[in-house]
Amino acid sequence: MKRVVVTGIGALTPIGLGIPSYWESLIAGVSGAAPITYFDASKAKTRFACQLKDFDANSYFDRKELRKYDKFSQYGIIASDEAIKDCGANFDNLDKDKVGVIWASGIGGIQTFQQEVKDFVTGDGSFRFSPMFIPKMIADICAGHISMRHDLRGPNFATVSACASSANAIADAALYIKTGKAKMMICGGSEAPIVEASVGGFSSMTALSTRNDDPKTASRPFDKDRDGFVIGEGAGALVLEELEQALSRGAKIYAEIIGSGLTADAYHITATHPEGRGAMMAMKFALEEGGLKLDEVDHINTHGTSTPIGDISEPKAIVSLFGEYANKINLNSTKSMTGHLLGAAGAIEAIATILSIVHGIVPPTINHFTDDPDIPSLNYTFNKAQERQVNVALSNTFGFGGHNACIAFKKYKE
């Protein structure tokens, strides 16, 4: 099996456009939540979200290009461009048949879907749709756009596993390199769900926080008074590369991917298993693939969505696997700052995990006010970033349908 390293990263998040501003905001404990401005949410139960700040698509694309892209594709292209530039590779010197793209989205072009249906219903009665309707909406199209933009001819597809989607994309991309089917993969995910249909849909499930009087503190993972997640948008991109190729071209290496664990709860369409059965096994499999002992793990970026059930089951899974050693691990939930980016969550959280290894700092879980006696007492890195050496870290992401994904990262050593 080939060794796989991360040589490029890029991100568009509600707390920073680009890696430097994203990381700075994570360490500072900045909340990205604010009232929704994309549509009139005055009649909605939840009237706030984590939108991108100061984002102008016209700064990245010309008018002709923009007509081809749903927002989720715009975000994915921009983040992947940053990661590709960051990796420093001259693609003309690479075998592009061995460079692929695996890109994720939980719900794809929902903005395009909503608009087309609205136009049809309110139209003149003719059976007319835009010829760009389907090409802008389908979840795999962003992977296609990224490959065409850079003439990448290797494996190319989308992963869809709800909120675990981009973690699955990273796991799959690493596997293609490990088995020699690719030498470099661009992977990650993007989501643009802040439209009436998805905000209304998640709200009707009572999945969203309704803390309209105080949006900035609404995402409060592991807090006694949590009442649901805050929906967010954006993208995260990683360049994964075969170690030998990375070394041969003198690439900087952020971290090594040493394992992944993918499981199913086989329990409920939306709720996690109450004892975290699938989550525990995903972490166990990731560590086993990496040949790691339990006491080598320094940090876990948890799924931590700020939902009543999920925030209990994941800590239970951690205690079930790690036992007493769980108290020595720095846990956190960066969703307390970014909100929940659905299918893009795994990617931006994997990047946060990697940067913790690089910088030796674990970002905080902000908005903690009251301990919950039903949640195991562990170090959740509440409210303030903590410095510590991070050699091994896990990134957990779980999705509706019982999908569980865990990626294991390690500080690179020759």
Protein backbone atom coordinates (compact mmCIF):
# COMPACT_ATOMS: atom_id res chain seq x y z
CA MET A 1 0.00 0.00 0.00
CA LYS A 2 1.17 3.51 -0.86
CA ARG A 3 1.45 6.21 1.80
CA VAL A 4 -0.90 9.18 1.34
CA VAL A 5 -0.16 12.75 2.38
CA VAL A 6 -2.01 16.07 2.27
CA THR A 7 -0.16 18.64 0.16
CA GLY A 8 -2.83 21.30 -0.46
CA ILE A 9 -5.87 22.75 1.30
CA GLY A 10 -8.52 25.35 0.48
CA ALA A 11 -11.70 26.57 2.14
CA LEU A 12 -14.66 28.91 1.89
CA THR A 13 -16.38 29.11 5.27
CA PRO A 14 -18.81 31.36 7.15
CA ILE A 15 -15.90 32.50 9.33
CA GLY A 16 -13.29 33.01 6.63
CA LEU A 17 -12.79 32.95 2.87
CA GLY A 18 -9.51 31.12 2.36
CA ILE A 19 -7.35 29.10 4.72
CA PRO A 20 -5.56 31.95 6.60
CA SER A 21 -8.77 33.75 7.63
CA TYR A 22 -10.55 30.46 8.39
CA TRP A 23 -7.78 29.32 10.76
CA GLU A 24 -7.46 32.73 12.41
CA SER A 25 -11.21 32.77 13.14
CA LEU A 26 -11.16 29.20 14.45
CA ILE A 27 -8.45 30.02 16.98
CA ALA A 28 -10.18 33.25 17.98
CA GLY A 29 -13.51 31.48 18.55
CA VAL A 30 -15.53 33.51 16.04
CA SER A 31 -19.19 32.65 15.45
CA GLY A 32 -20.42 32.78 11.87
CA ALA A 33 -24.13 32.83 12.71
CA ALA A 34 -26.26 35.84 11.76
CA PRO A 35 -29.76 36.63 10.43
CA ILE A 36 -30.50 35.20 6.98
CA THR A 37 -30.18 37.77 4.18
CA TYR A 38 -30.66 35.53 1.12
CA PHE A 39 -34.47 35.49 1.42
CA ASP A 40 -37.24 36.82 3.62
CA ALA A 41 -37.14 34.52 6.64
CA SER A 42 -39.50 36.56 8.79
CA LYS A 43 -42.14 33.82 8.83
CA ALA A 44 -39.70 30.96 9.39
CA LYS A 45 -39.18 29.23 12.72
CA THR A 46 -35.42 29.65 12.26
CA ARG A 47 -34.40 33.03 10.86
CA PHE A 48 -30.60 32.78 10.99
CA ALA A 49 -27.79 30.74 9.46
CA CYS A 50 -24.05 30.70 8.86
CA GLN A 51 -23.73 32.45 5.49
CA LEU A 52 -20.48 33.31 3.73
CA LYS A 53 -19.41 36.87 4.57
CA ASP A 54 -18.23 39.32 1.88
CA PHE A 55 -18.48 36.70 -0.85
CA ASP A 56 -18.83 38.04 -4.40
CA ALA A 57 -19.01 35.40 -7.12
CA ASN A 58 -18.24 38.06 -9.74
CA SER A 59 -14.75 38.34 -8.25
CA TYR A 60 -14.07 34.75 -9.28
CA PHE A 61 -16.10 34.12 -12.43
CA ASP A 62 -17.24 36.02 -15.50
CA ARG A 63 -20.94 36.34 -16.31
CA LYS A 64 -20.90 33.50 -18.85
CA GLU A 65 -19.31 31.09 -16.35
CA LEU A 66 -21.75 32.00 -13.61
CA ARG A 67 -24.71 30.92 -15.74
CA LYS A 68 -23.29 27.38 -15.68
CA TYR A 69 -22.81 27.03 -11.93
CA ASP A 70 -25.15 26.56 -9.01
CA LYS A 71 -23.77 28.12 -5.84
CA PHE A 72 -22.53 24.77 -4.54
CA SER A 73 -20.38 24.39 -7.67
CA GLN A 74 -19.09 27.96 -7.37
CA TYR A 75 -17.95 27.26 -3.82
CA GLY A 76 -16.37 23.94 -4.75
CA ILE A 77 -14.44 25.36 -7.69
CA ILE A 78 -13.07 28.26 -5.65
CA ALA A 79 -11.97 26.07 -2.72
CA SER A 80 -10.38 23.49 -5.01
CA ASP A 81 -8.55 26.23 -6.93
CA GLU A 82 -7.04 27.41 -3.64
CA ALA A 83 -6.00 23.87 -2.67
CA ILE A 84 -4.49 23.17 -6.09
CA LYS A 85 -2.51 26.41 -6.00
CA ASP A 86 -1.43 25.64 -2.45
CA CYS A 87 -0.05 22.22 -3.38
CA GLY A 88 2.43 23.90 -5.73
CA ALA A 89 2.34 21.19 -8.39
CA ASN A 90 2.99 21.89 -12.05
CA PHE A 91 0.24 19.73 -13.52
CA ASP A 92 1.93 19.73 -16.91
CA ASN A 93 4.66 17.62 -15.33
CA LEU A 94 2.20 15.10 -13.86
CA ASP A 95 0.39 12.17 -15.45
CA LYS A 96 -3.11 13.67 -15.54
CA ASP A 97 -4.59 10.22 -16.13
CA LYS A 98 -3.52 9.54 -12.54
CA VAL A 99 -4.96 12.75 -11.06
CA GLY A 100 -8.63 12.56 -10.13
CA VAL A 101 -11.44 14.36 -8.35
CA ILE A 102 -13.89 13.01 -5.79
CA TRP A 103 -16.26 15.76 -4.71
CA ALA A 104 -19.16 15.60 -2.30
CA SER A 105 -22.42 17.39 -1.64
CA GLY A 106 -25.29 16.33 0.56
CA ILE A 107 -28.03 18.02 -1.47
CA GLY A 108 -26.27 19.46 -4.52
CA GLY A 109 -27.88 22.26 -6.50
CA ILE A 110 -30.93 22.80 -4.36
CA GLN A 111 -31.01 26.52 -5.17
CA THR A 112 -31.29 25.70 -8.88
CA PHE A 113 -33.93 23.05 -8.19
CA GLN A 114 -36.04 25.40 -6.08
CA GLN A 115 -35.86 28.23 -8.61
CA GLU A 116 -36.76 26.05 -11.60
CA VAL A 117 -39.77 24.56 -9.83
CA LYS A 118 -40.89 28.04 -8.71
CA ASP A 119 -40.60 29.36 -12.26
CA PHE A 120 -42.59 26.42 -13.61
CA VAL A 121 -45.40 26.73 -11.06
CA THR A 122 -45.72 30.51 -11.45
CA GLY A 123 -45.17 30.54 -15.22
CA ASP A 124 -47.57 30.83 -18.14
CA GLY A 125 -48.54 27.15 -18.11
CA SER A 126 -46.10 26.06 -20.80
CA PHE A 127 -43.98 23.01 -20.10
CA ARG A 128 -40.69 24.87 -20.14
CA PHE A 129 -37.48 24.39 -18.15
CA SER A 130 -33.97 25.77 -18.56
CA PRO A 131 -31.59 23.48 -20.48
CA MET A 132 -29.13 24.14 -17.64
CA PHE A 133 -31.55 22.88 -14.97
CA ILE A 134 -30.20 19.34 -14.69
CA PRO A 135 -26.50 20.11 -15.38
CA LYS A 136 -26.50 22.74 -12.61
CA MET A 137 -28.43 20.64 -10.10
CA ILE A 138 -26.90 17.17 -10.11
CA ALA A 139 -24.57 16.43 -7.20
CA ASP A 140 -21.72 15.07 -9.32
CA ILE A 141 -21.40 18.14 -11.55
CA CYS A 142 -18.90 19.96 -9.31
CA ALA A 143 -16.45 17.05 -9.62
CA GLY A 144 -16.90 17.32 -13.37
CA HIS A 145 -16.28 21.07 -13.41
CA ILE A 146 -13.11 20.75 -11.32
CA SER A 147 -11.71 18.04 -13.59
CA MET A 148 -12.51 20.00 -16.76
CA ARG A 149 -11.05 23.19 -15.33
CA HIS A 150 -7.68 21.51 -14.77
CA ASP A 151 -7.80 18.71 -17.37
CA LEU A 152 -7.69 16.01 -14.70
CA ARG A 153 -8.50 12.65 -16.25
CA GLY A 154 -8.27 10.23 -13.34
CA PRO A 155 -11.13 8.84 -11.20
CA ASN A 156 -14.01 11.31 -11.10
CA PHE A 157 -17.26 11.02 -9.17
CA ALA A 158 -19.36 12.32 -6.28
CA THR A 159 -20.04 10.84 -2.87
CA VAL A 160 -23.39 11.39 -1.18
CA SER A 161 -23.90 10.23 2.39
CA ALA A 162 -25.72 13.24 3.86
CA CYS A 163 -23.52 15.05 6.37
CA ALA A 164 -20.76 12.44 6.06
CA SER A 165 -20.43 13.02 2.30
CA SER A 166 -17.11 14.88 2.12
CA ALA A 167 -15.51 12.67 4.75
CA ASN A 168 -16.43 9.75 2.49
CA ALA A 169 -14.86 11.63 -0.43
CA ILE A 170 -11.59 11.98 1.48
CA ALA A 171 -11.61 8.32 2.53
CA ASP A 172 -12.29 7.17 -1.04
CA ALA A 173 -9.63 9.47 -2.49
CA ALA A 174 -7.02 8.14 -0.07
CA LEU A 175 -7.95 4.57 -0.98
CA TYR A 176 -7.47 5.23 -4.71
CA ILE A 177 -3.95 6.47 -4.01
CA LYS A 178 -3.11 3.70 -1.54
CA THR A 179 -4.04 1.05 -4.09
CA GLY A 180 -2.11 2.72 -6.92
CA LYS A 181 -5.14 3.74 -9.01
CA ALA A 182 -4.17 7.40 -8.71
CA LYS A 183 -1.15 9.44 -7.68
CA MET A 184 -3.01 12.61 -6.71
CA MET A 185 -6.65 13.31 -5.85
CA ILE A 186 -8.53 16.56 -5.31
CA CYS A 187 -11.29 15.84 -2.83
CA GLY A 188 -13.70 17.57 -0.49
CA GLY A 189 -17.20 18.93 -0.60
CA SER A 190 -19.40 21.98 -1.01
CA GLU A 191 -22.88 22.97 0.04
CA ALA A 192 -25.17 25.96 -0.59
CA PRO A 193 -28.33 25.04 1.34
CA ILE A 194 -29.47 28.41 2.65
CA VAL A 195 -32.67 28.58 0.62
CA GLU A 196 -36.30 28.32 1.70
CA ALA A 197 -36.65 24.65 0.77
CA SER A 198 -33.79 23.29 2.86
CA VAL A 199 -34.12 25.70 5.78
CA GLY A 200 -37.84 24.94 5.88
CA GLY A 201 -37.29 21.23 5.51
CA PHE A 202 -34.75 20.93 8.30
CA SER A 203 -36.84 23.24 10.45
CA SER A 204 -39.94 21.07 10.05
CA MET A 205 -37.89 18.15 11.38
CA THR A 206 -37.06 20.30 14.45
CA ALA A 207 -33.38 19.80 13.56
CA LEU A 208 -32.48 23.51 13.58
CA SER A 209 -31.90 25.79 16.52
CA THR A 210 -34.60 28.41 16.99
CA ARG A 211 -32.51 30.77 19.10
CA ASN A 212 -33.49 33.74 16.93
CA ASP A 213 -32.85 36.24 19.73
CA ASP A 214 -29.17 35.27 19.94
CA PRO A 215 -27.91 33.60 16.74
CA LYS A 216 -24.20 33.88 17.58
CA THR A 217 -24.56 31.55 20.56
CA ALA A 218 -27.13 29.25 18.95
CA SER A 219 -24.66 26.52 17.99
CA ARG A 220 -23.64 25.21 21.40
CA PRO A 221 -22.40 21.60 21.10
CA PHE A 222 -22.42 19.58 24.33
CA ASP A 223 -24.18 22.38 26.24
CA LYS A 224 -27.21 21.50 28.36
CA ASP A 225 -29.38 24.07 26.56
CA ARG A 226 -28.53 23.11 22.96
CA ASP A 227 -31.62 23.04 20.76
CA GLY A 228 -30.46 22.05 17.27
CA PHE A 229 -27.85 22.83 14.65
CA VAL A 230 -27.23 26.04 12.71
CA ILE A 231 -27.23 25.49 8.96
CA GLY A 232 -24.14 26.72 7.11
CA GLU A 233 -22.66 26.94 3.63
CA GLY A 234 -19.26 26.80 1.99
CA ALA A 235 -16.63 24.34 0.81
CA GLY A 236 -13.45 22.57 1.80
CA ALA A 237 -10.85 21.03 -0.53
CA LEU A 238 -7.82 18.83 0.03
CA VAL A 239 -5.11 17.67 -2.33
CA LEU A 240 -4.05 14.14 -1.44
CA GLU A 241 -0.90 12.76 -2.97
CA GLU A 242 1.19 9.64 -3.08
CA LEU A 243 4.11 10.24 -0.73
CA GLU A 244 6.78 9.28 -3.26
CA GLN A 245 5.47 11.78 -5.81
CA ALA A 246 5.15 14.52 -3.19
CA LEU A 247 8.76 13.99 -2.07
CA SER A 248 10.06 13.84 -5.63
CA ARG A 249 8.70 17.30 -6.40
CA GLY A 250 9.65 18.81 -3.03
CA ALA A 251 6.07 19.43 -1.90
CA LYS A 252 5.24 20.73 1.53
CA ILE A 253 3.38 18.09 3.52
CA TYR A 254 0.68 19.08 6.01
CA ALA A 255 -0.04 15.62 7.41
CA GLU A 256 -0.40 11.98 6.53
CA ILE A 257 -3.73 10.17 6.18
CA ILE A 258 -3.19 6.84 7.84
CA GLY A 259 -6.65 5.36 8.09
CA SER A 260 -10.38 5.70 7.73
CA GLY A 261 -13.38 3.98 9.23
CA LEU A 262 -16.76 3.79 7.50
CA THR A 263 -19.76 2.20 9.21
CA ALA A 264 -23.55 2.30 9.42
CA ASP A 265 -25.67 2.59 12.55
CA ALA A 266 -28.42 0.51 10.92
CA TYR A 267 -30.72 2.11 13.45
CA HIS A 268 -32.80 5.15 12.37
CA ILE A 269 -33.23 7.49 9.39
CA THR A 270 -32.11 10.59 11.32
CA ALA A 271 -31.21 9.73 14.92
CA THR A 272 -27.80 8.37 15.86
CA HIS A 273 -27.54 5.09 17.72
CA PRO A 274 -28.05 6.05 21.40
CA GLU A 275 -24.83 4.37 22.50
CA GLY A 276 -22.86 5.51 19.46
CA ARG A 277 -22.32 1.96 18.20
CA GLY A 278 -21.48 2.89 14.61
CA ALA A 279 -19.42 5.93 15.60
CA MET A 280 -17.30 3.82 17.94
CA MET A 281 -16.61 1.23 15.26
CA ALA A 282 -15.71 3.89 12.69
CA MET A 283 -13.04 5.29 15.02
CA LYS A 284 -11.83 1.79 15.85
CA PHE A 285 -11.47 0.84 12.17
CA ALA A 286 -9.62 4.07 11.36
CA LEU A 287 -7.10 3.44 14.12
CA GLU A 288 -6.67 -0.21 13.18
CA GLU A 289 -5.95 0.68 9.55
CA GLY A 290 -3.31 3.14 10.73
CA GLY A 291 -1.75 0.65 13.12
CA LEU A 292 -2.36 3.04 16.01
CA LYS A 293 -2.85 2.40 19.69
CA LEU A 294 -5.64 4.13 21.56
CA ASP A 295 -3.23 6.16 23.69
CA GLU A 296 -1.60 7.71 20.62
CA VAL A 297 -4.64 9.88 19.84
CA ASP A 298 -4.25 13.50 20.96
CA HIS A 299 -7.26 15.20 19.43
CA ILE A 300 -10.70 14.41 17.99
CA ASN A 301 -12.67 16.92 15.95
CA THR A 302 -16.12 15.62 16.80
CA HIS A 303 -19.27 15.67 14.71
CA GLY A 304 -20.81 17.73 17.55
CA THR A 305 -23.81 19.31 15.84
CA SER A 306 -25.53 20.86 18.89
CA THR A 307 -28.46 18.44 18.65
CA PRO A 308 -30.01 16.90 21.78
CA ILE A 309 -29.39 13.24 20.87
CA GLY A 310 -26.23 13.31 18.77
CA ASP A 311 -24.21 15.24 21.32
CA ILE A 312 -24.78 12.48 23.85
CA SER A 313 -24.14 9.44 21.68
CA GLU A 314 -20.78 10.55 20.26
CA PRO A 315 -19.08 11.14 23.63
CA LYS A 316 -20.47 7.79 24.75
CA ALA A 317 -18.82 6.21 21.70
CA ILE A 318 -15.52 7.87 22.58
CA VAL A 319 -15.64 6.62 26.17
CA SER A 320 -16.66 3.16 24.97
CA LEU A 321 -13.59 2.95 22.73
CA PHE A 322 -10.94 4.82 24.69
CA GLY A 323 -11.98 4.10 28.29
CA GLU A 324 -10.17 6.23 30.88
CA TYR A 325 -7.76 7.54 28.24
CA ALA A 326 -10.66 9.54 26.74
CA ASN A 327 -10.04 12.18 29.44
CA LYS A 328 -6.60 12.89 27.97
CA ILE A 329 -7.89 13.69 24.45
CA ASN A 330 -8.72 17.23 23.39
CA LEU A 331 -12.18 17.07 21.83
CA ASN A 332 -13.82 19.96 20.05
CA SER A 333 -16.65 20.87 17.71
CA THR A 334 -15.80 23.56 15.18
CA LYS A 335 -19.49 23.57 14.20
CA SER A 336 -19.94 25.85 17.20
CA MET A 337 -18.31 28.49 14.96
CA THR A 338 -18.99 27.50 11.35
CA GLY A 339 -22.42 26.01 11.81
CA HIS A 340 -23.18 22.73 10.08
CA LEU A 341 -22.17 22.68 6.42
CA LEU A 342 -23.99 19.37 5.79
CA GLY A 343 -22.14 17.54 3.00
CA ALA A 344 -19.17 19.95 3.21
CA ALA A 345 -18.75 19.56 6.97
CA GLY A 346 -16.32 16.65 6.79
CA ALA A 347 -13.97 18.57 4.51
CA ILE A 348 -13.71 21.83 6.44
CA GLU A 349 -13.42 19.90 9.70
CA ALA A 350 -10.70 17.65 8.28
CA ILE A 351 -8.81 20.83 7.37
CA ALA A 352 -9.24 22.18 10.90
CA THR A 353 -7.93 18.86 12.24
CA ILE A 354 -4.90 18.98 9.95
CA LEU A 355 -4.12 22.56 10.98
CA SER A 356 -4.24 21.52 14.63
CA ILE A 357 -1.47 19.04 13.84
CA VAL A 358 0.52 21.66 11.93
CA HIS A 359 0.22 24.45 14.51
CA GLY A 360 -0.11 22.52 17.77
CA ILE A 361 -3.34 24.28 18.71
CA VAL A 362 -6.83 22.83 19.19
CA PRO A 363 -9.60 25.33 18.31
CA PRO A 364 -12.31 25.77 20.93
CA THR A 365 -15.88 24.61 21.22
CA ILE A 366 -17.48 27.99 21.80
CA ASN A 367 -20.85 28.88 23.33
CA HIS A 368 -20.57 26.57 26.32
CA PHE A 369 -22.49 27.87 29.31
CA THR A 370 -23.95 24.91 31.22
CA ASP A 371 -22.69 21.34 31.63
CA ASP A 372 -25.11 18.57 30.67
CA PRO A 373 -25.13 15.77 33.27
CA ASP A 374 -26.18 13.30 30.56
CA ILE A 375 -22.97 13.90 28.58
CA PRO A 376 -19.73 12.20 29.71
CA SER A 377 -17.38 14.67 31.40
CA LEU A 378 -14.42 15.02 29.00
CA ASN A 379 -12.15 17.78 27.71
CA TYR A 380 -14.26 19.47 25.02
CA THR A 381 -11.86 22.46 24.73
CA PHE A 382 -14.65 24.76 25.82
CA ASN A 383 -14.56 28.45 24.87
CA LYS A 384 -10.78 28.89 24.48
CA ALA A 385 -8.23 27.31 22.14
CA GLN A 386 -5.64 25.08 23.80
CA GLU A 387 -2.03 24.63 22.80
CA ARG A 388 -0.77 21.06 22.78
CA GLN A 389 1.34 18.86 20.57
CA VAL A 390 -0.94 16.97 18.21
CA ASN A 391 0.68 13.97 16.54
CA VAL A 392 -2.46 11.95 15.83
CA ALA A 393 -5.96 13.29 15.35
CA LEU A 394 -9.33 11.96 14.25
CA SER A 395 -12.06 13.80 12.35
CA ASN A 396 -15.57 12.40 12.87
CA THR A 397 -18.52 13.03 10.56
CA PHE A 398 -21.93 11.36 10.68
CA GLY A 399 -25.00 11.65 8.45
CA PHE A 400 -28.74 11.06 8.27
CA GLY A 401 -29.31 7.47 7.29
CA GLY A 402 -26.83 6.24 9.89
CA HIS A 403 -23.65 6.94 7.88
CA ASN A 404 -20.47 7.23 9.96
CA ALA A 405 -17.04 8.29 8.75
CA CYS A 406 -13.80 8.79 10.66
CA ILE A 407 -10.50 9.94 9.12
CA ALA A 408 -7.22 9.45 10.99
CA PHE A 409 -4.43 11.98 10.42
CA LYS A 410 -0.85 11.86 11.67
CA LYS A 411 2.03 14.31 11.76
CA TYR A 412 4.24 13.40 8.82
CA LYS A 413 7.55 11.72 9.58
CA GLU A 414 9.90 10.12 7.09
